[in-house]
Amino acid sequence: MGQALDGVRVLDMTHVQSGPSSTQILAWLGAEVVKVEAPGRGDITRTQLRDMPDVDSLYFTMLNCNKSSITLNMKSDDGKKIFADLVARSDVLVENFGPGVMDRFGFTWERLQEINPRIIYASIKGFSEGRYADFKAYEVIAQAMGGSMSTTGFQDGPPVATGAQIGDSGSGIHMVAGILAALFQRVSTNRGQRVQVAMQDVVLNLCRVKLRDQQRLALGPLKEYPIEEFGDEVPRSGNASGGGQPGWAVRCSPGGPNDYIYIIIQPPVWAALAELIGKPELVDDPQWATPEARLHKLDQVFALIETWTEKHTKWEVMDLLNARNVPCGPILSTKELIEDTTLAEAGSVVSVKHPERGEFKTVGCPLRLSDSPVEVTTSPMLGEHNDLVYGELGYSSHRLQELRVAGVI
């Protein structure tokens, strides 16, 4: 069986996380992704955060599965000519260099269109046009400037970064959507286009409910937030759900750092929940029976629940609550996730064999298409596919050796 993006050629100029996370998904969906790296050193993440000497780091291997790798010196004249040949045969070019780098290489959008009018040129930057356009961006900078940090944490504490990489990998996922849309539009227009994603915009998009609340705040306090006094900005709200249904993380036995479970109290489940925690009298008590009655004392509600959950493990609580249709989720540590047999069986966590570091675990493709199965394969060695890719462009073995000696590939 084929895959959704069979026949699509992607020239991958990305590095670190935001770009590689995008091109990895394209590769998982069947695109031929050729990663272009600097001769001798490659993507900087090959050597960052190494856990084993002289092998590619997990940082690199977990973001570059299912790709090919070629090396190319973009600053050399021969390198620029080869790059033009690669662009001419590609459908998509993806890069996440700093602002202006591709232009300085001599490959402006106008030049790329001259080489290949059908090319889709996709770029991830820190910021959109305007005051911030030339600023450098990292994951947590995007979180800081996109609304995430100011609304994460507890009211009496500092802004907090989320562990989820919403700036980097979030941008990569948004970029996939843009590239697929451009590929679809090209079917009718027969021409490529620019696709641009800014990390700040992505975080802002993911924080839209906080902009919702900023506007609601102008009309009065936000009752679903466990805050006594409001200013003129959406506050940090700890573990409050921030949605229409109240939620909180409550402690479980034996009391370890992740022995918690997150519980949502929907109106229809209150009776079952009250019975379960040993408070059946609260089912019909007008001071507790309705969402409106509970809203102003959610701290007391969850304290009652926690008195019960502390007697059970989070797994026991999960089973008991789910049996009563109460929405909940245990707080799973990274150790629990990587060892979870359910996730392994579902292909959400997979084992991959690497030729140098041996077997490692990584995430599986989160997109499940019934007619486009995904097998996660290992990341490439630096320049592993030079002979294959450059051979397809017509370069002989003798010429490739000359280019190696000259430091071009």
Protein backbone atom coordinates (compact mmCIF):
# COMPACT_ATOMS: atom_id res chain seq x y z
CA MET A 1 0.00 0.00 0.00
CA GLY A 2 1.27 3.45 -0.87
CA GLN A 3 1.34 6.51 1.36
CA ALA A 4 -0.44 9.84 1.20
CA LEU A 5 2.59 11.87 0.09
CA ASP A 6 4.25 9.34 -2.21
CA GLY A 7 6.06 11.20 -4.98
CA VAL A 8 6.40 14.47 -3.05
CA ARG A 9 10.01 15.60 -2.80
CA VAL A 10 10.96 17.77 0.17
CA LEU A 11 14.26 19.62 0.40
CA ASP A 12 14.84 19.92 4.14
CA MET A 13 17.08 22.84 5.14
CA THR A 14 15.88 22.78 8.73
CA HIS A 15 17.74 22.29 12.00
CA VAL A 16 17.13 21.92 15.74
CA GLN A 17 13.39 21.31 16.42
CA SER A 18 10.73 23.50 14.81
CA GLY A 19 11.66 22.67 11.23
CA PRO A 20 12.71 19.03 11.68
CA SER A 21 9.47 18.25 13.54
CA SER A 22 7.58 19.47 10.48
CA THR A 23 9.60 17.61 7.86
CA GLN A 24 9.55 14.43 9.96
CA ILE A 25 5.75 14.36 9.79
CA LEU A 26 5.94 14.87 6.02
CA ALA A 27 8.38 11.95 5.84
CA TRP A 28 6.07 9.80 7.98
CA LEU A 29 3.27 10.56 5.52
CA GLY A 30 5.38 9.25 2.65
CA ALA A 31 7.24 12.26 1.28
CA GLU A 32 10.84 11.82 0.15
CA VAL A 33 12.58 14.15 2.60
CA VAL A 34 16.21 14.98 1.86
CA LYS A 35 17.93 16.75 4.74
CA VAL A 36 20.65 19.15 3.60
CA GLU A 37 23.46 19.51 6.16
CA ALA A 38 26.83 21.22 6.40
CA PRO A 39 29.76 18.92 5.56
CA GLY A 40 31.63 17.57 8.57
CA ARG A 41 29.24 18.67 11.32
CA GLY A 42 25.64 18.57 10.11
CA ASP A 43 22.63 19.62 12.16
CA ILE A 44 23.85 21.05 15.47
CA THR A 45 21.57 18.69 17.39
CA ARG A 46 23.63 15.69 16.25
CA THR A 47 26.06 16.65 19.02
CA GLN A 48 23.83 18.52 21.48
CA LEU A 49 22.78 16.83 24.73
CA ARG A 50 24.65 13.64 23.87
CA ASP A 51 24.05 10.71 26.16
CA MET A 52 26.60 8.49 24.40
CA PRO A 53 30.02 9.49 23.05
CA ASP A 54 30.60 9.96 19.32
CA VAL A 55 27.07 9.03 18.17
CA ASP A 56 24.11 11.11 17.12
CA SER A 57 22.16 12.40 20.11
CA LEU A 58 18.57 11.47 20.88
CA TYR A 59 17.78 15.13 20.24
CA PHE A 60 18.67 14.51 16.59
CA THR A 61 17.46 10.95 16.13
CA MET A 62 13.99 11.64 17.54
CA LEU A 63 13.36 14.55 15.16
CA ASN A 64 14.79 13.16 11.93
CA CYS A 65 13.39 9.69 11.43
CA ASN A 66 12.46 8.51 7.93
CA LYS A 67 14.70 11.09 6.20
CA SER A 68 17.71 10.97 3.91
CA SER A 69 20.81 13.09 4.55
CA ILE A 70 23.14 14.82 2.13
CA THR A 71 25.94 17.28 2.86
CA LEU A 72 26.40 20.53 0.95
CA ASN A 73 28.47 23.66 1.46
CA MET A 74 26.00 26.41 0.61
CA LYS A 75 28.73 29.08 0.68
CA SER A 76 30.66 27.61 -2.25
CA ASP A 77 29.90 28.31 -5.91
CA ASP A 78 29.63 24.59 -6.69
CA GLY A 79 27.37 24.17 -3.69
CA LYS A 80 25.04 26.89 -4.91
CA LYS A 81 24.86 25.26 -8.36
CA ILE A 82 24.06 21.87 -6.83
CA PHE A 83 21.45 23.45 -4.58
CA ALA A 84 19.78 25.01 -7.62
CA ASP A 85 19.66 21.54 -9.20
CA LEU A 86 18.04 20.18 -6.04
CA VAL A 87 15.44 22.96 -6.00
CA ALA A 88 14.60 22.29 -9.62
CA ARG A 89 13.58 18.71 -8.86
CA SER A 90 11.84 19.35 -5.54
CA ASP A 91 8.22 20.08 -4.64
CA VAL A 92 8.81 21.70 -1.25
CA LEU A 93 11.70 23.59 0.35
CA VAL A 94 11.54 23.98 4.13
CA GLU A 95 13.90 26.13 6.23
CA ASN A 96 14.02 27.67 9.67
CA PHE A 97 17.17 29.75 9.44
CA GLY A 98 17.36 33.16 11.03
CA PRO A 99 15.84 36.03 9.04
CA GLY A 100 17.71 36.74 5.78
CA VAL A 101 20.00 33.68 5.73
CA MET A 102 18.51 32.16 2.56
CA ASP A 103 18.69 35.56 0.85
CA ARG A 104 22.38 35.82 1.76
CA PHE A 105 22.94 32.38 0.23
CA GLY A 106 21.59 33.93 -2.98
CA PHE A 107 18.25 32.12 -2.96
CA THR A 108 15.55 34.71 -2.51
CA TRP A 109 11.94 33.76 -3.10
CA GLU A 110 12.17 35.38 -6.53
CA ARG A 111 15.27 33.33 -7.40
CA LEU A 112 13.65 30.11 -6.22
CA GLN A 113 10.62 30.82 -8.43
CA GLU A 114 12.90 31.32 -11.42
CA ILE A 115 14.49 27.93 -10.81
CA ASN A 116 11.21 26.10 -10.15
CA PRO A 117 7.86 27.94 -10.51
CA ARG A 118 6.13 25.01 -8.79
CA ILE A 119 8.28 25.06 -5.66
CA ILE A 120 6.56 25.59 -2.30
CA TYR A 121 8.91 27.60 -0.11
CA ALA A 122 8.09 27.09 3.56
CA SER A 123 9.77 29.12 6.31
CA ILE A 124 9.50 29.05 10.10
CA LYS A 125 10.66 32.20 11.86
CA GLY A 126 10.31 33.54 15.37
CA PHE A 127 8.05 36.42 14.49
CA SER A 128 5.92 37.87 11.71
CA GLU A 129 6.65 41.16 9.98
CA GLY A 130 6.91 44.21 12.20
CA ARG A 131 8.89 45.29 15.22
CA TYR A 132 9.95 41.79 16.28
CA ALA A 133 10.72 40.41 12.80
CA ASP A 134 14.52 40.30 13.14
CA PHE A 135 14.60 39.07 16.74
CA LYS A 136 15.98 35.64 17.56
CA ALA A 137 13.49 33.15 18.97
CA TYR A 138 13.70 29.99 21.00
CA GLU A 139 10.98 27.76 22.40
CA VAL A 140 10.49 29.59 25.68
CA ILE A 141 10.85 33.02 24.07
CA ALA A 142 7.90 32.12 21.86
CA GLN A 143 5.99 31.00 24.94
CA ALA A 144 6.90 34.24 26.71
CA MET A 145 5.77 36.45 23.83
CA GLY A 146 2.76 34.39 22.75
CA GLY A 147 0.68 34.46 25.92
CA SER A 148 1.57 31.07 27.38
CA MET A 149 3.92 32.01 30.21
CA SER A 150 1.85 34.87 31.56
CA THR A 151 -1.09 32.51 32.00
CA THR A 152 0.79 29.42 33.23
CA GLY A 153 1.64 28.80 36.87
CA PHE A 154 -0.02 29.79 40.11
CA GLN A 155 -1.25 33.26 40.99
CA ASP A 156 1.34 33.89 43.67
CA GLY A 157 4.25 32.55 41.61
CA PRO A 158 6.28 33.65 38.58
CA PRO A 159 5.39 32.97 34.94
CA VAL A 160 6.11 29.34 34.05
CA ALA A 161 7.12 27.65 30.79
CA THR A 162 5.11 24.60 29.78
CA GLY A 163 6.93 21.30 29.27
CA ALA A 164 5.17 20.80 25.92
CA GLN A 165 7.16 22.30 23.05
CA ILE A 166 4.32 24.44 21.77
CA GLY A 167 6.64 27.01 20.20
CA ASP A 168 8.93 24.63 18.32
CA SER A 169 7.00 21.45 17.59
CA GLY A 170 3.77 23.47 17.62
CA SER A 171 5.18 25.56 14.77
CA GLY A 172 6.22 22.40 12.96
CA ILE A 173 2.69 21.00 13.06
CA HIS A 174 1.24 24.31 11.86
CA MET A 175 3.77 24.30 9.03
CA VAL A 176 2.65 20.83 7.93
CA ALA A 177 -0.90 22.18 7.55
CA GLY A 178 0.36 25.11 5.47
CA ILE A 179 2.47 22.91 3.20
CA LEU A 180 -0.35 20.45 2.60
CA ALA A 181 -2.71 23.32 1.76
CA ALA A 182 -0.17 24.74 -0.70
CA LEU A 183 0.32 21.33 -2.33
CA PHE A 184 -3.45 20.99 -2.73
CA GLN A 185 -3.82 24.48 -4.21
CA ARG A 186 -0.97 23.79 -6.63
CA VAL A 187 -3.11 21.08 -8.24
CA SER A 188 -5.38 23.80 -9.67
CA THR A 189 -2.90 26.69 -10.07
CA ASN A 190 0.17 24.71 -11.21
CA ARG A 191 2.40 27.10 -9.28
CA GLY A 192 4.06 27.12 -5.90
CA GLN A 193 3.78 29.70 -3.18
CA ARG A 194 5.39 30.93 0.03
CA VAL A 195 4.25 29.42 3.31
CA GLN A 196 5.31 31.27 6.45
CA VAL A 197 4.80 30.35 10.10
CA ALA A 198 5.89 32.48 13.05
CA MET A 199 6.46 30.83 16.41
CA GLN A 200 4.88 33.71 18.30
CA ASP A 201 1.75 33.43 16.14
CA VAL A 202 1.56 29.70 16.79
CA VAL A 203 1.72 30.08 20.57
CA LEU A 204 -0.85 32.87 20.36
CA ASN A 205 -3.11 30.60 18.32
CA LEU A 206 -2.79 27.88 20.96
CA CYS A 207 -3.56 30.46 23.67
CA ARG A 208 -6.67 31.84 22.02
CA VAL A 209 -8.90 30.92 24.97
CA LYS A 210 -6.84 33.29 27.09
CA LEU A 211 -7.55 36.10 24.62
CA ARG A 212 -11.20 35.09 24.95
CA ASP A 213 -10.93 35.53 28.70
CA GLN A 214 -9.09 38.85 28.34
CA GLN A 215 -12.13 40.22 26.56
CA ARG A 216 -14.57 38.64 29.01
CA LEU A 217 -12.61 40.14 31.89
CA ALA A 218 -13.66 43.64 30.80
CA LEU A 219 -17.20 42.70 31.82
CA GLY A 220 -16.37 41.34 35.25
CA PRO A 221 -14.54 38.61 37.20
CA LEU A 222 -14.01 35.21 35.59
CA LYS A 223 -15.94 32.94 37.92
CA GLU A 224 -14.31 29.72 36.73
CA TYR A 225 -10.89 30.95 37.89
CA PRO A 226 -9.96 30.24 41.54
CA ILE A 227 -8.99 33.87 42.02
CA GLU A 228 -10.39 36.24 44.64
CA GLU A 229 -9.23 39.53 43.16
CA PHE A 230 -8.81 40.28 39.46
CA GLY A 231 -6.74 42.96 37.80
CA ASP A 232 -6.99 43.97 34.16
CA GLU A 233 -5.09 40.92 32.82
CA VAL A 234 -5.98 37.24 32.65
CA PRO A 235 -4.30 35.73 35.73
CA ARG A 236 -2.31 32.55 36.15
CA SER A 237 -4.82 29.98 37.33
CA GLY A 238 -2.80 26.99 38.47
CA ASN A 239 -4.51 23.77 37.48
CA ALA A 240 -7.97 25.23 36.93
CA SER A 241 -9.41 23.98 33.65
CA GLY A 242 -10.29 27.47 32.49
CA GLY A 243 -13.21 26.05 30.57
CA GLY A 244 -16.91 25.58 31.11
CA GLN A 245 -16.39 22.57 33.40
CA PRO A 246 -14.34 22.91 36.62
CA GLY A 247 -11.27 20.71 37.02
CA TRP A 248 -8.28 20.27 39.32
CA ALA A 249 -5.39 17.92 40.04
CA VAL A 250 -5.86 16.05 43.32
CA ARG A 251 -3.31 14.02 45.25
CA CYS A 252 -3.36 10.21 45.32
CA SER A 253 -1.55 7.48 47.24
CA PRO A 254 1.32 6.93 47.93
CA GLY A 255 2.00 10.65 47.59
CA GLY A 256 4.88 10.77 45.10
CA PRO A 257 5.63 13.81 42.93
CA ASN A 258 3.35 12.58 40.14
CA ASP A 259 0.78 10.75 42.23
CA TYR A 260 -2.05 13.01 41.14
CA ILE A 261 -5.10 12.68 38.96
CA TYR A 262 -6.89 15.44 37.09
CA ILE A 263 -10.67 15.38 37.48
CA ILE A 264 -13.36 17.30 35.58
CA ILE A 265 -16.74 17.70 37.26
CA GLN A 266 -19.48 17.68 34.64
CA PRO A 267 -22.98 18.39 35.99
CA PRO A 268 -24.37 14.92 35.10
CA VAL A 269 -21.64 13.08 37.06
CA TRP A 270 -21.94 14.97 40.35
CA ALA A 271 -24.28 12.43 41.92
CA ALA A 272 -22.08 9.45 41.05
CA LEU A 273 -18.99 11.31 42.21
CA ALA A 274 -20.53 12.34 45.53
CA GLU A 275 -21.64 8.75 46.17
CA LEU A 276 -18.20 7.41 45.32
CA ILE A 277 -16.31 9.70 47.71
CA GLY A 278 -18.69 8.84 50.54
CA LYS A 279 -20.71 12.05 50.53
CA PRO A 280 -24.15 10.92 49.27
CA GLU A 281 -25.85 13.70 51.27
CA LEU A 282 -24.35 16.27 48.87
CA VAL A 283 -26.30 14.89 45.89
CA ASP A 284 -29.50 16.75 46.79
CA ASP A 285 -28.12 19.40 49.14
CA PRO A 286 -29.00 22.77 47.53
CA GLN A 287 -25.64 24.13 48.74
CA TRP A 288 -23.81 21.54 46.61
CA ALA A 289 -26.21 19.99 44.12
CA THR A 290 -25.88 22.41 41.20
CA PRO A 291 -22.85 23.77 39.29
CA GLU A 292 -23.84 27.30 40.30
CA ALA A 293 -23.90 26.34 43.99
CA ARG A 294 -20.45 24.71 43.74
CA LEU A 295 -18.78 27.38 41.63
CA HIS A 296 -17.83 29.76 44.44
CA LYS A 297 -16.38 26.99 46.61
CA LEU A 298 -14.52 24.78 44.15
CA ASP A 299 -11.58 24.65 46.56
CA GLN A 300 -13.84 22.91 49.08
CA VAL A 301 -15.25 20.60 46.41
CA PHE A 302 -11.84 19.37 45.33
CA ALA A 303 -10.62 19.15 48.93
CA LEU A 304 -13.45 16.70 49.64
CA ILE A 305 -12.53 14.69 46.56
CA GLU A 306 -8.84 14.69 47.53
CA THR A 307 -9.66 13.32 50.98
CA TRP A 308 -10.96 10.25 49.14
CA THR A 309 -8.33 10.04 46.35
CA GLU A 310 -5.46 10.12 48.87
CA LYS A 311 -6.57 6.67 49.99
CA HIS A 312 -6.14 5.17 46.51
CA THR A 313 -3.52 5.08 43.76
CA LYS A 314 -4.09 7.19 40.70
CA TRP A 315 -4.67 4.04 38.66
CA GLU A 316 -7.35 2.83 41.06
CA VAL A 317 -9.00 6.24 41.00
CA MET A 318 -8.86 6.29 37.20
CA ASP A 319 -10.68 2.97 36.94
CA LEU A 320 -13.30 3.87 39.55
CA LEU A 321 -14.05 7.25 37.99
CA ASN A 322 -14.14 5.99 34.42
CA ALA A 323 -16.57 3.27 35.47
CA ARG A 324 -18.87 6.13 36.48
CA ASN A 325 -18.17 8.20 33.34
CA VAL A 326 -16.31 10.88 35.29
CA PRO A 327 -13.67 12.55 33.05
CA CYS A 328 -10.23 12.12 34.57
CA GLY A 329 -6.60 11.51 33.74
CA PRO A 330 -3.72 10.42 35.97
CA ILE A 331 -0.60 12.58 35.83
CA LEU A 332 1.80 10.35 33.91
CA SER A 333 5.53 10.83 34.30
CA THR A 334 7.88 10.50 31.34
CA LYS A 335 9.05 7.17 32.77
CA GLU A 336 5.48 5.90 32.91
CA LEU A 337 4.80 7.09 29.37
CA ILE A 338 7.88 5.51 27.81
CA GLU A 339 7.09 2.20 29.58
CA ASP A 340 3.32 2.28 28.93
CA THR A 341 2.34 -0.95 27.13
CA THR A 342 -0.92 0.60 25.90
CA LEU A 343 0.98 3.37 24.11
CA ALA A 344 3.45 0.85 22.70
CA GLU A 345 0.68 -1.37 21.37
CA ALA A 346 -1.01 1.64 19.78
CA GLY A 347 2.23 2.77 18.12
CA SER A 348 2.28 6.04 20.07
CA VAL A 349 5.71 5.11 21.43
CA VAL A 350 7.91 3.02 19.16
CA SER A 351 11.33 1.38 19.29
CA VAL A 352 13.77 2.16 16.47
CA LYS A 353 17.09 0.50 15.68
CA HIS A 354 19.98 2.88 15.01
CA PRO A 355 23.17 1.58 13.36
CA GLU A 356 25.48 3.15 15.96
CA ARG A 357 23.56 3.79 19.17
CA GLY A 358 21.41 0.68 19.05
CA GLU A 359 17.71 0.72 19.88
CA PHE A 360 16.02 3.88 21.11
CA LYS A 361 12.44 4.86 21.79
CA THR A 362 10.63 7.74 20.16
CA VAL A 363 7.12 8.95 19.48
CA GLY A 364 5.11 7.42 16.67
CA CYS A 365 3.28 9.42 14.05
CA PRO A 366 0.30 11.10 15.74
CA LEU A 367 -1.60 11.27 12.44
CA ARG A 368 -3.39 8.00 11.68
CA LEU A 369 -4.57 7.55 8.08
CA SER A 370 -6.36 4.32 7.20
CA ASP A 371 -4.73 4.12 3.74
CA SER A 372 -1.32 5.55 4.63
CA PRO A 373 0.37 3.35 7.24
CA VAL A 374 3.53 4.64 8.89
CA GLU A 375 6.61 2.65 9.80
CA VAL A 376 9.06 4.75 11.78
CA THR A 377 12.61 4.18 10.50
CA THR A 378 15.89 5.44 11.91
CA SER A 379 17.40 8.85 11.33
CA PRO A 380 20.15 9.08 8.69
CA MET A 381 23.88 9.23 9.23
CA LEU A 382 25.50 12.48 8.14
CA GLY A 383 25.78 12.48 4.33
CA GLU A 384 24.58 8.88 4.17
CA HIS A 385 22.69 9.46 0.92
CA ASN A 386 25.17 11.68 -0.95
CA ASP A 387 25.94 9.12 -3.64
CA LEU A 388 22.28 8.23 -4.17
CA VAL A 389 20.83 11.74 -4.32
CA TYR A 390 23.67 13.35 -6.25
CA GLY A 391 23.83 10.34 -8.55
CA GLU A 392 20.19 10.95 -9.45
CA LEU A 393 21.21 14.50 -10.43
CA GLY A 394 23.78 13.05 -12.85
CA TYR A 395 26.96 13.48 -10.82
CA SER A 396 29.50 10.71 -11.44
CA SER A 397 31.48 8.97 -8.73
CA HIS A 398 34.62 10.73 -9.96
CA ARG A 399 32.94 14.15 -9.80
CA LEU A 400 31.55 13.45 -6.33
CA GLN A 401 35.04 12.58 -5.09
CA GLU A 402 36.30 15.90 -6.44
CA LEU A 403 33.51 17.71 -4.62
CA ARG A 404 34.37 15.89 -1.38
CA VAL A 405 38.02 16.87 -1.64
CA ALA A 406 37.02 20.48 -2.32
CA GLY A 407 34.77 20.52 0.75
CA VAL A 408 31.61 21.07 -1.28
CA ILE A 409 29.84 17.91 -0.03
